[in-house]
C-alpha atoms as a PDB file:
ATOM      1  CA  GLN A   1       2.273 -62.266  14.795  1.00  0.00           C
ATOM      2  CA  VAL A   2       6.053 -63.025  15.600  1.00  0.00           C
ATOM      3  CA  GLN A   3       7.954 -62.497  12.312  1.00  0.00           C
ATOM      4  CA  LEU A   4      11.871 -63.091  12.072  1.00  0.00           C
ATOM      5  CA  VAL A   5      13.904 -61.769   9.244  1.00  0.00           C
ATOM      6  CA  GLU A   6      17.914 -62.769   8.823  1.00  0.00           C
ATOM      7  CA  SER A   7      20.632 -60.968   7.059  1.00  0.00           C
ATOM      8  CA  GLY A   8      23.995 -60.630   6.906  1.00  0.00           C
ATOM      9  CA  GLY A   9      25.297 -64.138   5.293  1.00  0.00           C
ATOM     10  CA  GLY A  10      27.895 -64.278   2.495  1.00  0.00           C
ATOM     11  CA  SER A  11      30.855 -66.080   1.238  1.00  0.00           C
ATOM     12  CA  VAL A  12      34.251 -65.757   3.316  1.00  0.00           C
ATOM     13  CA  GLN A  13      37.318 -67.492   3.331  1.00  0.00           C
ATOM     14  CA  ALA A  14      38.554 -69.856   6.033  1.00  0.00           C
ATOM     15  CA  GLY A  15      39.723 -67.588   9.206  1.00  0.00           C
ATOM     16  CA  GLY A  16      37.219 -64.768   8.189  1.00  0.00           C
ATOM     17  CA  SER A  17      34.147 -63.148   9.970  1.00  0.00           C
ATOM     18  CA  LEU A  18      30.503 -62.670   9.501  1.00  0.00           C
ATOM     19  CA  LYS A  19      27.797 -60.910  11.752  1.00  0.00           C
ATOM     20  CA  LEU A  20      24.331 -62.386  11.231  1.00  0.00           C
ATOM     21  CA  SER A  21      21.208 -60.283  12.041  1.00  0.00           C
ATOM     22  CA  CYS A  22      17.555 -61.264  13.103  1.00  0.00           C
ATOM     23  CA  ALA A  23      15.148 -58.324  12.949  1.00  0.00           C
ATOM     24  CA  THR A  24      12.072 -59.050  15.156  1.00  0.00           C
ATOM     25  CA  SER A  25       8.511 -57.826  15.118  1.00  0.00           C
ATOM     26  CA  GLY A  26       5.703 -59.033  16.966  1.00  0.00           C
ATOM     27  CA  ASP A  27       7.287 -59.345  19.899  1.00  0.00           C
ATOM     28  CA  THR A  28      10.350 -57.988  21.800  1.00  0.00           C
ATOM     29  CA  VAL A  29      13.659 -59.830  21.953  1.00  0.00           C
ATOM     30  CA  ARG A  30      13.785 -58.874  25.796  1.00  0.00           C
ATOM     31  CA  SER A  31      10.569 -61.351  26.251  1.00  0.00           C
ATOM     32  CA  LEU A  32      11.469 -64.425  24.068  1.00  0.00           C
ATOM     33  CA  CYS A  33      14.242 -66.994  24.133  1.00  0.00           C
ATOM     34  CA  MET A  34      15.961 -67.087  20.902  1.00  0.00           C
ATOM     35  CA  GLY A  35      18.701 -69.142  19.029  1.00  0.00           C
ATOM     36  CA  TRP A  36      20.260 -69.806  15.733  1.00  0.00           C
ATOM     37  CA  PHE A  37      20.173 -72.982  13.923  1.00  0.00           C
ATOM     38  CA  ARG A  38      22.173 -73.967  10.885  1.00  0.00           C
ATOM     39  CA  GLN A  39      21.769 -77.099   8.265  1.00  0.00           C
ATOM     40  CA  ALA A  40      24.311 -78.087   5.439  1.00  0.00           C
ATOM     41  CA  PRO A  41      23.040 -79.962   2.559  1.00  0.00           C
ATOM     42  CA  GLY A  42      22.551 -83.655   3.074  1.00  0.00           C
ATOM     43  CA  LYS A  43      22.788 -83.273   7.095  1.00  0.00           C
ATOM     44  CA  ASP A  44      20.582 -82.640   9.880  1.00  0.00           C
ATOM     45  CA  ARG A  45      19.364 -79.212  11.646  1.00  0.00           C
ATOM     46  CA  GLU A  46      22.008 -78.204  14.155  1.00  0.00           C
ATOM     47  CA  GLY A  47      21.451 -75.909  16.922  1.00  0.00           C
ATOM     48  CA  VAL A  48      24.419 -73.516  17.011  1.00  0.00           C
ATOM     49  CA  VAL A  49      23.400 -71.391  20.097  1.00  0.00           C
ATOM     50  CA  SER A  50      20.438 -70.415  22.147  1.00  0.00           C
ATOM     51  CA  ILE A  51      19.800 -67.411  24.587  1.00  0.00           C
ATOM     52  CA  HIS A  52      17.440 -66.922  27.633  1.00  0.00           C
ATOM     53  CA  THR A  53      15.476 -63.651  28.454  1.00  0.00           C
ATOM     54  CA  SER A  54      17.669 -63.740  31.537  1.00  0.00           C
ATOM     55  CA  GLY A  55      20.698 -63.652  29.270  1.00  0.00           C
ATOM     56  CA  SER A  56      21.997 -67.008  29.649  1.00  0.00           C
ATOM     57  CA  THR A  57      23.416 -69.010  26.707  1.00  0.00           C
ATOM     58  CA  SER A  58      23.943 -72.516  25.441  1.00  0.00           C
ATOM     59  CA  TYR A  59      26.705 -73.108  22.585  1.00  0.00           C
ATOM     60  CA  ALA A  60      27.496 -76.064  20.621  1.00  0.00           C
ATOM     61  CA  ASP A  61      31.010 -77.365  21.404  1.00  0.00           C
ATOM     62  CA  SER A  62      31.816 -76.877  17.713  1.00  0.00           C
ATOM     63  CA  VAL A  63      31.416 -73.128  17.985  1.00  0.00           C
ATOM     64  CA  LYS A  64      32.489 -72.049  21.289  1.00  0.00           C
ATOM     65  CA  GLY A  65      35.159 -69.372  21.545  1.00  0.00           C
ATOM     66  CA  ARG A  66      34.367 -68.778  17.858  1.00  0.00           C
ATOM     67  CA  PHE A  67      30.605 -67.480  17.796  1.00  0.00           C
ATOM     68  CA  THR A  68      28.540 -65.006  20.091  1.00  0.00           C
ATOM     69  CA  ILE A  69      25.109 -64.426  20.524  1.00  0.00           C
ATOM     70  CA  SER A  70      23.545 -61.245  21.553  1.00  0.00           C
ATOM     71  CA  LYS A  71      20.491 -59.016  21.716  1.00  0.00           C
ATOM     72  CA  ASP A  72      19.961 -55.100  20.942  1.00  0.00           C
ATOM     73  CA  ASN A  73      16.777 -54.403  23.020  1.00  0.00           C
ATOM     74  CA  VAL A  74      16.814 -51.096  21.528  1.00  0.00           C
ATOM     75  CA  LYS A  75      16.837 -52.299  17.761  1.00  0.00           C
ATOM     76  CA  ASN A  76      14.880 -55.445  18.926  1.00  0.00           C
ATOM     77  CA  THR A  77      17.421 -57.382  16.744  1.00  0.00           C
ATOM     78  CA  LEU A  78      19.111 -60.581  17.676  1.00  0.00           C
ATOM     79  CA  TYR A  79      23.081 -61.133  16.307  1.00  0.00           C
ATOM     80  CA  LEU A  80      25.342 -63.897  15.827  1.00  0.00           C
ATOM     81  CA  GLN A  81      28.808 -62.757  15.631  1.00  0.00           C
ATOM     82  CA  MET A  82      31.124 -65.609  13.931  1.00  0.00           C
ATOM     83  CA  ASN A  83      34.548 -65.256  13.885  1.00  0.00           C
ATOM     84  CA  SER A  84      37.623 -67.612  12.609  1.00  0.00           C
ATOM     85  CA  LEU A  85      34.991 -69.354  10.382  1.00  0.00           C
ATOM     86  CA  LYS A  86      35.708 -72.803   8.957  1.00  0.00           C
ATOM     87  CA  PRO A  87      34.643 -74.703   6.067  1.00  0.00           C
ATOM     88  CA  GLU A  88      32.535 -76.697   8.125  1.00  0.00           C
ATOM     89  CA  ASP A  89      30.518 -73.603   9.465  1.00  0.00           C
ATOM     90  CA  THR A  90      28.682 -73.513   5.893  1.00  0.00           C
ATOM     91  CA  GLY A  91      25.236 -73.959   5.723  1.00  0.00           C
ATOM     92  CA  MET A  92      21.835 -72.198   5.958  1.00  0.00           C
ATOM     93  CA  TYR A  93      21.661 -69.886   9.305  1.00  0.00           C
ATOM     94  CA  TYR A  94      17.997 -69.589  10.723  1.00  0.00           C
ATOM     95  CA  CYS A  95      16.683 -67.776  13.537  1.00  0.00           C
ATOM     96  CA  ALA A  96      14.353 -68.726  16.033  1.00  0.00           C
ATOM     97  CA  ALA A  97      11.988 -67.779  18.773  1.00  0.00           C
ATOM     98  CA  GLY A  98       9.803 -69.152  21.381  1.00  0.00           C
ATOM     99  CA  THR A  99       8.580 -69.074  24.945  1.00  0.00           C
ATOM    100  CA  GLY A 100       7.636 -72.275  27.187  1.00  0.00           C
ATOM    101  CA  SER A 101       9.869 -75.019  26.200  1.00  0.00           C
ATOM    102  CA  ALA A 102      12.485 -72.754  24.221  1.00  0.00           C
ATOM    103  CA  CYS A 103      13.231 -71.255  27.531  1.00  0.00           C
ATOM    104  CA  TRP A 104      12.875 -74.182  30.113  1.00  0.00           C
ATOM    105  CA  TYR A 105      14.878 -76.683  27.883  1.00  0.00           C
ATOM    106  CA  LEU A 106      17.334 -73.948  26.375  1.00  0.00           C
ATOM    107  CA  TYR A 107      20.616 -75.859  27.096  1.00  0.00           C
ATOM    108  CA  ARG A 108      19.561 -78.726  24.482  1.00  0.00           C
ATOM    109  CA  ARG A 109      18.918 -76.217  21.469  1.00  0.00           C
ATOM    110  CA  PHE A 110      16.282 -78.400  20.272  1.00  0.00           C
ATOM    111  CA  SER A 111      14.286 -77.285  17.154  1.00  0.00           C
ATOM    112  CA  GLY A 112      10.983 -78.383  18.126  1.00  0.00           C
ATOM    113  CA  ASP A 113      11.111 -76.170  21.125  1.00  0.00           C
ATOM    114  CA  PHE A 114      10.960 -73.002  19.039  1.00  0.00           C
ATOM    115  CA  THR A 115       7.701 -71.734  17.417  1.00  0.00           C
ATOM    116  CA  TYR A 116       8.598 -69.096  15.196  1.00  0.00           C
ATOM    117  CA  TRP A 117      11.377 -69.097  12.353  1.00  0.00           C
ATOM    118  CA  GLY A 118      13.096 -66.567   9.926  1.00  0.00           C
ATOM    119  CA  GLN A 119      13.492 -67.513   6.329  1.00  0.00           C
ATOM    120  CA  GLY A 120      17.332 -68.307   6.423  1.00  0.00           C
ATOM    121  CA  THR A 121      20.408 -66.818   5.365  1.00  0.00           C
ATOM    122  CA  GLN A 122      23.488 -68.609   3.509  1.00  0.00           C
ATOM    123  CA  VAL A 123      26.731 -68.655   4.969  1.00  0.00           C
ATOM    124  CA  THR A 124      29.688 -70.087   2.656  1.00  0.00           C
ATOM    125  CA  VAL A 125      33.306 -70.722   3.933  1.00  0.00           C
ATOM    126  CA  SER A 126      36.102 -71.824   1.662  1.00  0.00           C
ATOM    127  CA  SER A 127      39.483 -72.944   2.008  1.00  0.00           C
END
């Protein structure tokens, strides 16, 4: 019943910014633990950041200080603000949501803990 739809990806030069959106239906972002994952060609899927129903967050070291996750409860949408983008940020970005393990083990940002996934949006950063 939960559906996630990402948007906002695109191509930017190094140092630029993008803001990704994840429109959520079937449940509220207020009641879900959610996260952003990314995958580059030939590489494993990486947990970028997760956010708890309480508002607590867990960021990968590679994006700390540059990326910010947030929820808009009125619009029922999850966001990822990405600043100071680097070529190594290039990849397909996925929105994910869940309860239970996704919340209990929020810090590990493990894809197997999340049950609902969006279709992905491509982010390309050129130097």
